[in-house]
PDB file of all heavy atoms in Angstrom:
ATOM      1  N   MET A   1     -14.446  21.597 -62.884  1.00  0.00           N
ATOM      2  CA  MET A   1     -13.139  22.243 -62.695  1.00  0.00           C
ATOM      3  C   MET A   1     -12.248  21.290 -61.837  1.00  0.00           C
ATOM      4  O   MET A   1     -12.625  20.900 -60.732  1.00  0.00           O
ATOM      5  CB  MET A   1     -13.299  23.564 -61.963  1.00  0.00           C
ATOM      6  CG  MET A   1     -11.993  24.299 -61.719  1.00  0.00           C
ATOM      7  SD  MET A   1     -12.275  25.914 -60.980  1.00  0.00           S
ATOM      8  CE  MET A   1     -10.606  26.514 -60.822  1.00  0.00           C
ATOM      9  N   GLN A   2     -11.100  20.982 -62.390  1.00  0.00           N
ATOM     10  CA  GLN A   2     -10.196  20.045 -61.714  1.00  0.00           C
ATOM     11  C   GLN A   2      -9.464  20.772 -60.584  1.00  0.00           C
ATOM     12  O   GLN A   2      -9.129  21.933 -60.621  1.00  0.00           O
ATOM     13  CB  GLN A   2      -9.210  19.483 -62.680  1.00  0.00           C
ATOM     14  CG  GLN A   2      -9.793  18.612 -63.766  1.00  0.00           C
ATOM     15  CD  GLN A   2      -8.738  18.053 -64.707  1.00  0.00           C
ATOM     16  OE1 GLN A   2      -7.637  18.510 -64.654  1.00  0.00           O
ATOM     17  NE2 GLN A   2      -9.112  17.036 -65.452  1.00  0.00           N
ATOM     18  N   ASP A   3      -9.235  19.983 -59.473  1.00  0.00           N
ATOM     19  CA  ASP A   3      -8.480  20.528 -58.357  1.00  0.00           C
ATOM     20  C   ASP A   3      -7.015  20.704 -58.804  1.00  0.00           C
ATOM     21  O   ASP A   3      -6.445  19.837 -59.456  1.00  0.00           O
ATOM     22  CB  ASP A   3      -8.524  19.597 -57.141  1.00  0.00           C
ATOM     23  CG  ASP A   3      -9.906  19.517 -56.602  1.00  0.00           C
ATOM     24  OD1 ASP A   3     -10.673  20.449 -56.767  1.00  0.00           O
ATOM     25  OD2 ASP A   3     -10.240  18.467 -55.923  1.00  0.00           O
ATOM     26  N   GLN A   4      -6.492  21.846 -58.414  1.00  0.00           N
ATOM     27  CA  GLN A   4      -5.085  22.096 -58.729  1.00  0.00           C
ATOM     28  C   GLN A   4      -4.225  21.308 -57.767  1.00  0.00           C
ATOM     29  O   GLN A   4      -4.549  21.154 -56.582  1.00  0.00           O
ATOM     30  CB  GLN A   4      -4.747  23.588 -58.613  1.00  0.00           C
ATOM     31  CG  GLN A   4      -5.493  24.425 -59.672  1.00  0.00           C
ATOM     32  CD  GLN A   4      -5.122  25.884 -59.549  1.00  0.00           C
ATOM     33  OE1 GLN A   4      -4.467  26.305 -58.596  1.00  0.00           O
ATOM     34  NE2 GLN A   4      -5.475  26.631 -60.548  1.00  0.00           N
ATOM     35  N   ALA A   5      -3.097  20.799 -58.269  1.00  0.00           N
ATOM     36  CA  ALA A   5      -2.188  20.048 -57.445  1.00  0.00           C
ATOM     37  C   ALA A   5      -1.582  20.972 -56.379  1.00  0.00           C
ATOM     38  O   ALA A   5      -1.268  22.104 -56.639  1.00  0.00           O
ATOM     39  CB  ALA A   5      -1.111  19.423 -58.278  1.00  0.00           C
ATOM     40  N   ALA A   6      -1.433  20.451 -55.195  1.00  0.00           N
ATOM     41  CA  ALA A   6      -0.797  21.252 -54.154  1.00  0.00           C
ATOM     42  C   ALA A   6       0.652  21.465 -54.465  1.00  0.00           C
ATOM     43  O   ALA A   6       1.349  20.621 -55.032  1.00  0.00           O
ATOM     44  CB  ALA A   6      -0.877  20.505 -52.796  1.00  0.00           C
ATOM     45  N   PRO A   7       1.157  22.646 -54.146  1.00  0.00           N
ATOM     46  CA  PRO A   7       2.581  22.932 -54.435  1.00  0.00           C
ATOM     47  C   PRO A   7       3.486  21.990 -53.690  1.00  0.00           C
ATOM     48  O   PRO A   7       3.144  21.603 -52.548  1.00  0.00           O
ATOM     49  CB  PRO A   7       2.790  24.379 -54.000  1.00  0.00           C
ATOM     50  CG  PRO A   7       1.698  24.637 -53.002  1.00  0.00           C
ATOM     51  CD  PRO A   7       0.542  23.778 -53.449  1.00  0.00           C
ATOM     52  N   PRO A   8       4.597  21.626 -54.235  1.00  0.00           N
ATOM     53  CA  PRO A   8       5.513  20.728 -53.526  1.00  0.00           C
ATOM     54  C   PRO A   8       6.014  21.342 -52.245  1.00  0.00           C
ATOM     55  O   PRO A   8       6.220  22.554 -52.138  1.00  0.00           O
ATOM     56  CB  PRO A   8       6.639  20.447 -54.514  1.00  0.00           C
ATOM     57  CG  PRO A   8       6.597  21.667 -55.419  1.00  0.00           C
ATOM     58  CD  PRO A   8       5.153  22.046 -55.512  1.00  0.00           C
ATOM     59  N   ALA A   9       6.176  20.504 -51.209  1.00  0.00           N
ATOM     60  CA  ALA A   9       6.738  20.969 -49.924  1.00  0.00           C
ATOM     61  C   ALA A   9       8.127  21.505 -50.149  1.00  0.00           C
ATOM     62  O   ALA A   9       8.925  20.898 -50.873  1.00  0.00           O
ATOM     63  CB  ALA A   9       6.666  19.893 -48.912  1.00  0.00           C
ATOM     64  N   GLU A  10       8.442  22.583 -49.494  1.00  0.00           N
ATOM     65  CA  GLU A  10       9.760  23.151 -49.615  1.00  0.00           C
ATOM     66  C   GLU A  10      10.761  22.263 -48.927  1.00  0.00           C
ATOM     67  O   GLU A  10      10.548  21.754 -47.836  1.00  0.00           O
ATOM     68  CB  GLU A  10       9.798  24.567 -48.984  1.00  0.00           C
ATOM     69  CG  GLU A  10      11.116  25.299 -49.204  1.00  0.00           C
ATOM     70  CD  GLU A  10      11.051  26.710 -48.708  1.00  0.00           C
ATOM     71  OE1 GLU A  10      10.009  27.144 -48.250  1.00  0.00           O
ATOM     72  OE2 GLU A  10      12.061  27.409 -48.799  1.00  0.00           O
ATOM     73  N   THR A  11      11.892  22.096 -49.543  1.00  0.00           N
ATOM     74  CA  THR A  11      12.957  21.286 -48.962  1.00  0.00           C
ATOM     75  C   THR A  11      14.063  22.238 -48.476  1.00  0.00           C
ATOM     76  O   THR A  11      14.256  23.319 -49.037  1.00  0.00           O
ATOM     77  CB  THR A  11      13.557  20.296 -49.971  1.00  0.00           C
ATOM     78  OG1 THR A  11      14.014  21.054 -51.121  1.00  0.00           O
ATOM     79  CG2 THR A  11      12.483  19.308 -50.429  1.00  0.00           C
ATOM     80  N   PHE A  12      14.729  21.797 -47.415  1.00  0.00           N
ATOM     81  CA  PHE A  12      15.752  22.651 -46.808  1.00  0.00           C
ATOM     82  C   PHE A  12      17.068  21.869 -46.893  1.00  0.00           C
ATOM     83  O   PHE A  12      17.099  20.633 -46.705  1.00  0.00           O
ATOM     84  CB  PHE A  12      15.438  22.980 -45.379  1.00  0.00           C
ATOM     85  CG  PHE A  12      14.172  23.792 -45.239  1.00  0.00           C
ATOM     86  CD1 PHE A  12      12.951  23.128 -44.969  1.00  0.00           C
ATOM     87  CD2 PHE A  12      14.168  25.157 -45.371  1.00  0.00           C
ATOM     88  CE1 PHE A  12      11.779  23.878 -44.825  1.00  0.00           C
ATOM     89  CE2 PHE A  12      12.991  25.896 -45.259  1.00  0.00           C
ATOM     90  CZ  PHE A  12      11.806  25.230 -44.997  1.00  0.00           C
ATOM     91  N   SER A  13      18.156  22.616 -47.090  1.00  0.00           N
ATOM     92  CA  SER A  13      19.483  21.999 -47.121  1.00  0.00           C
ATOM     93  C   SER A  13      19.830  21.505 -45.692  1.00  0.00           C
ATOM     94  O   SER A  13      19.276  21.945 -44.687  1.00  0.00           O
ATOM     95  CB  SER A  13      20.503  22.996 -47.568  1.00  0.00           C
ATOM     96  OG  SER A  13      20.694  24.029 -46.605  1.00  0.00           O
ATOM     97  N   ARG A  14      20.766  20.546 -45.692  1.00  0.00           N
ATOM     98  CA  ARG A  14      21.245  20.048 -44.401  1.00  0.00           C
ATOM     99  C   ARG A  14      21.825  21.169 -43.526  1.00  0.00           C
ATOM    100  O   ARG A  14      21.604  21.236 -42.309  1.00  0.00           O
ATOM    101  CB  ARG A  14      22.248  18.947 -44.580  1.00  0.00           C
ATOM    102  CG  ARG A  14      22.835  18.376 -43.291  1.00  0.00           C
ATOM    103  CD  ARG A  14      23.758  17.215 -43.549  1.00  0.00           C
ATOM    104  NE  ARG A  14      23.062  16.110 -44.110  1.00  0.00           N
ATOM    105  CZ  ARG A  14      23.647  14.934 -44.411  1.00  0.00           C
ATOM    106  NH1 ARG A  14      24.939  14.769 -44.196  1.00  0.00           N
ATOM    107  NH2 ARG A  14      22.965  13.957 -44.914  1.00  0.00           N
ATOM    108  N   GLY A  15      22.550  22.086 -44.179  1.00  0.00           N
ATOM    109  CA  GLY A  15      23.159  23.195 -43.436  1.00  0.00           C
ATOM    110  C   GLY A  15      22.095  24.072 -42.846  1.00  0.00           C
ATOM    111  O   GLY A  15      22.277  24.537 -41.685  1.00  0.00           O
ATOM    112  N   PHE A  16      21.004  24.332 -43.540  1.00  0.00           N
ATOM    113  CA  PHE A  16      19.937  25.163 -43.033  1.00  0.00           C
ATOM    114  C   PHE A  16      19.250  24.476 -41.817  1.00  0.00           C
ATOM    115  O   PHE A  16      18.930  25.146 -40.819  1.00  0.00           O
ATOM    116  CB  PHE A  16      18.924  25.505 -44.082  1.00  0.00           C
ATOM    117  CG  PHE A  16      18.087  26.702 -43.827  1.00  0.00           C
ATOM    118  CD1 PHE A  16      18.596  28.003 -44.042  1.00  0.00           C
ATOM    119  CD2 PHE A  16      16.796  26.555 -43.340  1.00  0.00           C
ATOM    120  CE1 PHE A  16      17.797  29.087 -43.749  1.00  0.00           C
ATOM    121  CE2 PHE A  16      16.006  27.686 -43.084  1.00  0.00           C
ATOM    122  CZ  PHE A  16      16.531  28.940 -43.294  1.00  0.00           C
ATOM    123  N   ARG A  17      19.081  23.176 -41.948  1.00  0.00           N
ATOM    124  CA  ARG A  17      18.448  22.421 -40.847  1.00  0.00           C
ATOM    125  C   ARG A  17      19.357  22.340 -39.606  1.00  0.00           C
ATOM    126  O   ARG A  17      18.941  22.440 -38.482  1.00  0.00           O
ATOM    127  CB  ARG A  17      17.999  21.039 -41.300  1.00  0.00           C
ATOM    128  CG  ARG A  17      16.773  21.061 -42.170  1.00  0.00           C
ATOM    129  CD  ARG A  17      16.293  19.669 -42.509  1.00  0.00           C
ATOM    130  NE  ARG A  17      17.076  19.078 -43.607  1.00  0.00           N
ATOM    131  CZ  ARG A  17      17.878  18.022 -43.500  1.00  0.00           C
ATOM    132  NH1 ARG A  17      18.048  17.446 -42.335  1.00  0.00           N
ATOM    133  NH2 ARG A  17      18.507  17.572 -44.544  1.00  0.00           N
ATOM    134  N   LEU A  18      20.691  22.226 -39.881  1.00  0.00           N
ATOM    135  CA  LEU A  18      21.638  22.286 -38.783  1.00  0.00           C
ATOM    136  C   LEU A  18      21.669  23.625 -38.128  1.00  0.00           C
ATOM    137  O   LEU A  18      21.812  23.719 -36.862  1.00  0.00           O
ATOM    138  CB  LEU A  18      23.035  21.871 -39.266  1.00  0.00           C
ATOM    139  CG  LEU A  18      23.242  20.394 -39.636  1.00  0.00           C
ATOM    140  CD1 LEU A  18      24.603  20.199 -40.279  1.00  0.00           C
ATOM    141  CD2 LEU A  18      23.089  19.541 -38.364  1.00  0.00           C
ATOM    142  N   ALA A  19      21.512  24.655 -38.912  1.00  0.00           N
ATOM    143  CA  ALA A  19      21.449  26.022 -38.282  1.00  0.00           C
ATOM    144  C   ALA A  19      20.249  26.176 -37.419  1.00  0.00           C
ATOM    145  O   ALA A  19      20.334  26.740 -36.347  1.00  0.00           O
ATOM    146  CB  ALA A  19      21.384  27.058 -39.433  1.00  0.00           C
ATOM    147  N   GLY A  20      19.091  25.553 -37.805  1.00  0.00           N
ATOM    148  CA  GLY A  20      17.911  25.572 -36.956  1.00  0.00           C
ATOM    149  C   GLY A  20      18.154  24.792 -35.683  1.00  0.00           C
ATOM    150  O   GLY A  20      17.743  25.271 -34.582  1.00  0.00           O
ATOM    151  N   ALA A  21      18.811  23.696 -35.728  1.00  0.00           N
ATOM    152  CA  ALA A  21      19.128  22.918 -34.561  1.00  0.00           C
ATOM    153  C   ALA A  21      20.079  23.706 -33.603  1.00  0.00           C
ATOM    154  O   ALA A  21      19.959  23.648 -32.375  1.00  0.00           O
ATOM    155  CB  ALA A  21      19.763  21.591 -34.890  1.00  0.00           C
ATOM    156  N   ALA A  22      21.017  24.443 -34.201  1.00  0.00           N
ATOM    157  CA  ALA A  22      21.928  25.260 -33.476  1.00  0.00           C
ATOM    158  C   ALA A  22      21.182  26.379 -32.715  1.00  0.00           C
ATOM    159  O   ALA A  22      21.559  26.752 -31.589  1.00  0.00           O
ATOM    160  CB  ALA A  22      23.003  25.908 -34.348  1.00  0.00           C
ATOM    161  N   VAL A  23      20.129  26.918 -33.356  1.00  0.00           N
ATOM    162  CA  VAL A  23      19.312  27.947 -32.681  1.00  0.00           C
ATOM    163  C   VAL A  23      18.638  27.356 -31.446  1.00  0.00           C
ATOM    164  O   VAL A  23      18.611  27.956 -30.360  1.00  0.00           O
ATOM    165  CB  VAL A  23      18.268  28.567 -33.660  1.00  0.00           C
ATOM    166  CG1 VAL A  23      17.300  29.439 -32.873  1.00  0.00           C
ATOM    167  CG2 VAL A  23      18.991  29.296 -34.732  1.00  0.00           C
ATOM    168  N   HIS A  24      18.119  26.151 -31.565  1.00  0.00           N
ATOM    169  CA  HIS A  24      17.494  25.485 -30.382  1.00  0.00           C
ATOM    170  C   HIS A  24      18.494  25.277 -29.300  1.00  0.00           C
ATOM    171  O   HIS A  24      18.208  25.430 -28.111  1.00  0.00           O
ATOM    172  CB  HIS A  24      16.849  24.165 -30.838  1.00  0.00           C
ATOM    173  CG  HIS A  24      15.532  24.294 -31.537  1.00  0.00           C
ATOM    174  ND1 HIS A  24      14.554  25.162 -31.131  1.00  0.00           N
ATOM    175  CD2 HIS A  24      15.045  23.635 -32.601  1.00  0.00           C
ATOM    176  CE1 HIS A  24      13.513  25.071 -31.896  1.00  0.00           C
ATOM    177  NE2 HIS A  24      13.773  24.171 -32.837  1.00  0.00           N
ATOM    178  N   LEU A  25      19.720  24.860 -29.684  1.00  0.00           N
ATOM    179  CA  LEU A  25      20.764  24.689 -28.693  1.00  0.00           C
ATOM    180  C   LEU A  25      21.118  25.981 -28.008  1.00  0.00           C
ATOM    181  O   LEU A  25      21.356  26.026 -26.798  1.00  0.00           O
ATOM    182  CB  LEU A  25      22.002  24.061 -29.363  1.00  0.00           C
ATOM    183  CG  LEU A  25      23.200  23.771 -28.425  1.00  0.00           C
ATOM    184  CD1 LEU A  25      22.781  22.783 -27.338  1.00  0.00           C
ATOM    185  CD2 LEU A  25      24.383  23.215 -29.235  1.00  0.00           C
ATOM    186  N   TYR A  26      21.107  27.064 -28.791  1.00  0.00           N
ATOM    187  CA  TYR A  26      21.370  28.405 -28.267  1.00  0.00           C
ATOM    188  C   TYR A  26      20.359  28.784 -27.213  1.00  0.00           C
ATOM    189  O   TYR A  26      20.664  29.212 -26.100  1.00  0.00           O
ATOM    190  CB  TYR A  26      21.325  29.398 -29.403  1.00  0.00           C
ATOM    191  CG  TYR A  26      21.575  30.839 -29.061  1.00  0.00           C
ATOM    192  CD1 TYR A  26      22.757  31.260 -28.436  1.00  0.00           C
ATOM    193  CD2 TYR A  26      20.637  31.789 -29.361  1.00  0.00           C
ATOM    194  CE1 TYR A  26      22.937  32.604 -28.100  1.00  0.00           C
ATOM    195  CE2 TYR A  26      20.798  33.129 -29.040  1.00  0.00           C
ATOM    196  CZ  TYR A  26      21.984  33.521 -28.436  1.00  0.00           C
ATOM    197  OH  TYR A  26      22.156  34.860 -28.128  1.00  0.00           O
ATOM    198  N   THR A  27      19.064  28.476 -27.476  1.00  0.00           N
ATOM    199  CA  THR A  27      18.004  28.735 -26.514  1.00  0.00           C
ATOM    200  C   THR A  27      18.189  27.851 -25.268  1.00  0.00           C
ATOM    201  O   THR A  27      18.145  28.346 -24.161  1.00  0.00           O
ATOM    202  CB  THR A  27      16.614  28.432 -27.115  1.00  0.00           C
ATOM    203  OG1 THR A  27      16.387  29.254 -28.258  1.00  0.00           O
ATOM    204  CG2 THR A  27      15.507  28.609 -26.103  1.00  0.00           C
ATOM    205  N   ALA A  28      18.504  26.563 -25.479  1.00  0.00           N
ATOM    206  CA  ALA A  28      18.729  25.678 -24.351  1.00  0.00           C
ATOM    207  C   ALA A  28      19.872  26.047 -23.486  1.00  0.00           C
ATOM    208  O   ALA A  28      19.874  25.750 -22.270  1.00  0.00           O
ATOM    209  CB  ALA A  28      18.932  24.246 -24.868  1.00  0.00           C
ATOM    210  N   SER A  29      20.850  26.748 -24.032  1.00  0.00           N
ATOM    211  CA  SER A  29      22.032  27.164 -23.254  1.00  0.00           C
ATOM    212  C   SER A  29      21.628  28.087 -22.120  1.00  0.00           C
ATOM    213  O   SER A  29      22.350  28.174 -21.093  1.00  0.00           O
ATOM    214  CB  SER A  29      23.054  27.921 -24.122  1.00  0.00           C
ATOM    215  OG  SER A  29      22.592  29.190 -24.535  1.00  0.00           O
ATOM    216  N   GLY A  30      20.474  28.675 -22.181  1.00  0.00           N
ATOM    217  CA  GLY A  30      19.948  29.515 -21.095  1.00  0.00           C
ATOM    218  C   GLY A  30      19.763  28.721 -19.805  1.00  0.00           C
ATOM    219  O   GLY A  30      19.891  29.243 -18.707  1.00  0.00           O
ATOM    220  N   SER A  31      19.396  27.442 -19.943  1.00  0.00           N
ATOM    221  CA  SER A  31      19.220  26.604 -18.775  1.00  0.00           C
ATOM    222  C   SER A  31      20.514  26.435 -18.003  1.00  0.00           C
ATOM    223  O   SER A  31      20.526  26.386 -16.786  1.00  0.00           O
ATOM    224  CB  SER A  31      18.588  25.263 -19.135  1.00  0.00           C
ATOM    225  OG  SER A  31      19.486  24.555 -19.972  1.00  0.00           O
ATOM    226  N   VAL A  32      21.612  26.289 -18.788  1.00  0.00           N
ATOM    227  CA  VAL A  32      22.923  26.162 -18.151  1.00  0.00           C
ATOM    228  C   VAL A  32      23.309  27.488 -17.477  1.00  0.00           C
ATOM    229  O   VAL A  32      23.844  27.497 -16.360  1.00  0.00           O
ATOM    230  CB  VAL A  32      23.960  25.791 -19.228  1.00  0.00           C
ATOM    231  CG1 VAL A  32      25.341  25.635 -18.534  1.00  0.00           C
ATOM    232  CG2 VAL A  32      23.582  24.482 -19.879  1.00  0.00           C
ATOM    233  N   LEU A  33      23.038  28.563 -18.148  1.00  0.00           N
ATOM    234  CA  LEU A  33      23.284  29.896 -17.522  1.00  0.00           C
ATOM    235  C   LEU A  33      22.497  30.050 -16.243  1.00  0.00           C
ATOM    236  O   LEU A  33      22.995  30.625 -15.270  1.00  0.00           O
ATOM    237  CB  LEU A  33      22.968  31.030 -18.507  1.00  0.00           C
ATOM    238  CG  LEU A  33      23.824  31.121 -19.758  1.00  0.00           C
ATOM    239  CD1 LEU A  33      23.271  32.193 -20.689  1.00  0.00           C
ATOM    240  CD2 LEU A  33      25.269  31.421 -19.407  1.00  0.00           C
ATOM    241  N   GLY A  34      21.249  29.539 -16.234  1.00  0.00           N
ATOM    242  CA  GLY A  34      20.420  29.631 -15.030  1.00  0.00           C
ATOM    243  C   GLY A  34      21.056  28.845 -13.895  1.00  0.00           C
ATOM    244  O   GLY A  34      21.093  29.344 -12.731  1.00  0.00           O
ATOM    245  N   LEU A  35      21.601  27.659 -14.158  1.00  0.00           N
ATOM    246  CA  LEU A  35      22.326  26.910 -13.154  1.00  0.00           C
ATOM    247  C   LEU A  35      23.528  27.653 -12.656  1.00  0.00           C
ATOM    248  O   LEU A  35      23.782  27.707 -11.426  1.00  0.00           O
ATOM    249  CB  LEU A  35      22.762  25.559 -13.734  1.00  0.00           C
ATOM    250  CG  LEU A  35      23.670  24.703 -12.836  1.00  0.00           C
ATOM    251  CD1 LEU A  35      22.952  24.323 -11.509  1.00  0.00           C
ATOM    252  CD2 LEU A  35      24.162  23.494 -13.596  1.00  0.00           C
ATOM    253  N   LEU A  36      24.252  28.269 -13.543  1.00  0.00           N
ATOM    254  CA  LEU A  36      25.416  29.043 -13.120  1.00  0.00           C
ATOM    255  C   LEU A  36      25.058  30.232 -12.256  1.00  0.00           C
ATOM    256  O   LEU A  36      25.837  30.611 -11.358  1.00  0.00           O
ATOM    257  CB  LEU A  36      26.243  29.480 -14.358  1.00  0.00           C
ATOM    258  CG  LEU A  36      26.852  28.356 -15.200  1.00  0.00           C
ATOM    259  CD1 LEU A  36      27.512  28.913 -16.447  1.00  0.00           C
ATOM    260  CD2 LEU A  36      27.843  27.529 -14.353  1.00  0.00           C
ATOM    261  N   ILE A  37      23.925  30.862 -12.573  1.00  0.00           N
ATOM    262  CA  ILE A  37      23.434  31.948 -11.676  1.00  0.00           C
ATOM    263  C   ILE A  37      23.222  31.477 -10.300  1.00  0.00           C
ATOM    264  O   ILE A  37      23.639  32.080  -9.287  1.00  0.00           O
ATOM    265  CB  ILE A  37      22.140  32.586 -12.257  1.00  0.00           C
ATOM    266  CG1 ILE A  37      22.452  33.327 -13.550  1.00  0.00           C
ATOM    267  CG2 ILE A  37      21.550  33.538 -11.257  1.00  0.00           C
ATOM    268  CD1 ILE A  37      21.140  33.755 -14.309  1.00  0.00           C
ATOM    269  N   VAL A  38      22.516  30.320 -10.174  1.00  0.00           N
ATOM    270  CA  VAL A  38      22.237  29.760  -8.882  1.00  0.00           C
ATOM    271  C   VAL A  38      23.521  29.404  -8.126  1.00  0.00           C
ATOM    272  O   VAL A  38      23.683  29.728  -6.915  1.00  0.00           O
ATOM    273  CB  VAL A  38      21.318  28.530  -9.014  1.00  0.00           C
ATOM    274  CG1 VAL A  38      21.181  27.795  -7.688  1.00  0.00           C
ATOM    275  CG2 VAL A  38      19.934  28.930  -9.557  1.00  0.00           C
ATOM    276  N   LEU A  39      24.461  28.774  -8.818  1.00  0.00           N
ATOM    277  CA  LEU A  39      25.739  28.398  -8.154  1.00  0.00           C
ATOM    278  C   LEU A  39      26.496  29.598  -7.749  1.00  0.00           C
ATOM    279  O   LEU A  39      27.057  29.631  -6.627  1.00  0.00           O
ATOM    280  CB  LEU A  39      26.549  27.512  -9.124  1.00  0.00           C
ATOM    281  CG  LEU A  39      25.958  26.145  -9.489  1.00  0.00           C
ATOM    282  CD1 LEU A  39      26.869  25.414 -10.486  1.00  0.00           C
ATOM    283  CD2 LEU A  39      25.767  25.328  -8.237  1.00  0.00           C
ATOM    284  N   ALA A  40      26.561  30.642  -8.603  1.00  0.00           N
ATOM    285  CA  ALA A  40      27.273  31.859  -8.245  1.00  0.00           C
ATOM    286  C   ALA A  40      26.595  32.545  -7.037  1.00  0.00           C
ATOM    287  O   ALA A  40      27.276  33.069  -6.130  1.00  0.00           O
ATOM    288  CB  ALA A  40      27.367  32.812  -9.417  1.00  0.00           C
ATOM    289  N   ALA A  41      25.275  32.535  -7.047  1.00  0.00           N
ATOM    290  CA  ALA A  41      24.538  33.148  -5.909  1.00  0.00           C
ATOM    291  C   ALA A  41      24.836  32.436  -4.607  1.00  0.00           C
ATOM    292  O   ALA A  41      25.094  33.024  -3.558  1.00  0.00           O
ATOM    293  CB  ALA A  41      23.048  33.141  -6.215  1.00  0.00           C
ATOM    294  N   ILE A  42      24.820  31.092  -4.626  1.00  0.00           N
ATOM    295  CA  ILE A  42      25.109  30.290  -3.424  1.00  0.00           C
ATOM    296  C   ILE A  42      26.526  30.527  -2.952  1.00  0.00           C
ATOM    297  O   ILE A  42      26.799  30.597  -1.742  1.00  0.00           O
ATOM    298  CB  ILE A  42      24.859  28.815  -3.723  1.00  0.00           C
ATOM    299  CG1 ILE A  42      23.373  28.576  -3.971  1.00  0.00           C
ATOM    300  CG2 ILE A  42      25.361  27.917  -2.578  1.00  0.00           C
ATOM    301  CD1 ILE A  42      23.044  27.190  -4.427  1.00  0.00           C
ATOM    302  N   ASP A  43      27.488  30.676  -3.889  1.00  0.00           N
ATOM    303  CA  ASP A  43      28.887  30.929  -3.523  1.00  0.00           C
ATOM    304  C   ASP A  43      29.135  32.391  -3.135  1.00  0.00           C
ATOM    305  O   ASP A  43      30.259  32.707  -2.729  1.00  0.00           O
ATOM    306  CB  ASP A  43      29.786  30.607  -4.741  1.00  0.00           C
ATOM    307  CG  ASP A  43      29.865  29.105  -4.985  1.00  0.00           C
ATOM    308  OD1 ASP A  43      29.539  28.347  -4.071  1.00  0.00           O
ATOM    309  OD2 ASP A  43      30.205  28.712  -6.095  1.00  0.00           O
ATOM    310  N   GLY A  44      28.136  33.241  -3.209  1.00  0.00           N
ATOM    311  CA  GLY A  44      28.323  34.637  -2.836  1.00  0.00           C
ATOM    312  C   GLY A  44      28.963  35.507  -3.887  1.00  0.00           C
ATOM    313  O   GLY A  44      29.352  36.636  -3.599  1.00  0.00           O
ATOM    314  N   ASP A  45      29.072  34.968  -5.104  1.00  0.00           N
ATOM    315  CA  ASP A  45      29.764  35.753  -6.202  1.00  0.00           C
ATOM    316  C   ASP A  45      28.654  36.490  -6.941  1.00  0.00           C
ATOM    317  O   ASP A  45      28.233  36.135  -8.021  1.00  0.00           O
ATOM    318  CB  ASP A  45      30.482  34.787  -7.130  1.00  0.00           C
ATOM    319  CG  ASP A  45      31.398  35.494  -8.111  1.00  0.00           C
ATOM    320  OD1 ASP A  45      31.324  36.716  -8.191  1.00  0.00           O
ATOM    321  OD2 ASP A  45      32.118  34.824  -8.810  1.00  0.00           O
ATOM    322  N   VAL A  46      28.235  37.611  -6.303  1.00  0.00           N
ATOM    323  CA  VAL A  46      27.076  38.313  -6.826  1.00  0.00           C
ATOM    324  C   VAL A  46      27.350  38.951  -8.176  1.00  0.00           C
ATOM    325  O   VAL A  46      26.479  38.924  -9.099  1.00  0.00           O
ATOM    326  CB  VAL A  46      26.700  39.451  -5.828  1.00  0.00           C
ATOM    327  CG1 VAL A  46      25.516  40.290  -6.370  1.00  0.00           C
ATOM    328  CG2 VAL A  46      26.309  38.835  -4.494  1.00  0.00           C
ATOM    329  N   VAL A  47      28.532  39.519  -8.394  1.00  0.00           N
ATOM    330  CA  VAL A  47      28.837  40.191  -9.669  1.00  0.00           C
ATOM    331  C   VAL A  47      28.748  39.167 -10.851  1.00  0.00           C
ATOM    332  O   VAL A  47      28.184  39.442 -11.877  1.00  0.00           O
ATOM    333  CB  VAL A  47      30.225  40.858  -9.613  1.00  0.00           C
ATOM    334  CG1 VAL A  47      30.611  41.383 -10.976  1.00  0.00           C
ATOM    335  CG2 VAL A  47      30.231  41.960  -8.587  1.00  0.00           C
ATOM    336  N   THR A  48      29.336  38.013 -10.658  1.00  0.00           N
ATOM    337  CA  THR A  48      29.271  36.960 -11.680  1.00  0.00           C
ATOM    338  C   THR A  48      27.843  36.591 -11.922  1.00  0.00           C
ATOM    339  O   THR A  48      27.409  36.436 -13.105  1.00  0.00           O
ATOM    340  CB  THR A  48      30.095  35.760 -11.276  1.00  0.00           C
ATOM    341  OG1 THR A  48      31.451  36.063 -11.142  1.00  0.00           O
ATOM    342  CG2 THR A  48      29.940  34.622 -12.297  1.00  0.00           C
TER     343      THR A  48
END
């Protein structure tokens, strides 16, 4: 019995891959928000 060929790897459009990169950037934006929390706390701007 011959081995069946593996299905071809799925390809993604550039737009879909850019959307994935944008999601990672969205996650990374939390680090900037964390810095802003620290700066606001040090400045006494509790509500912000």
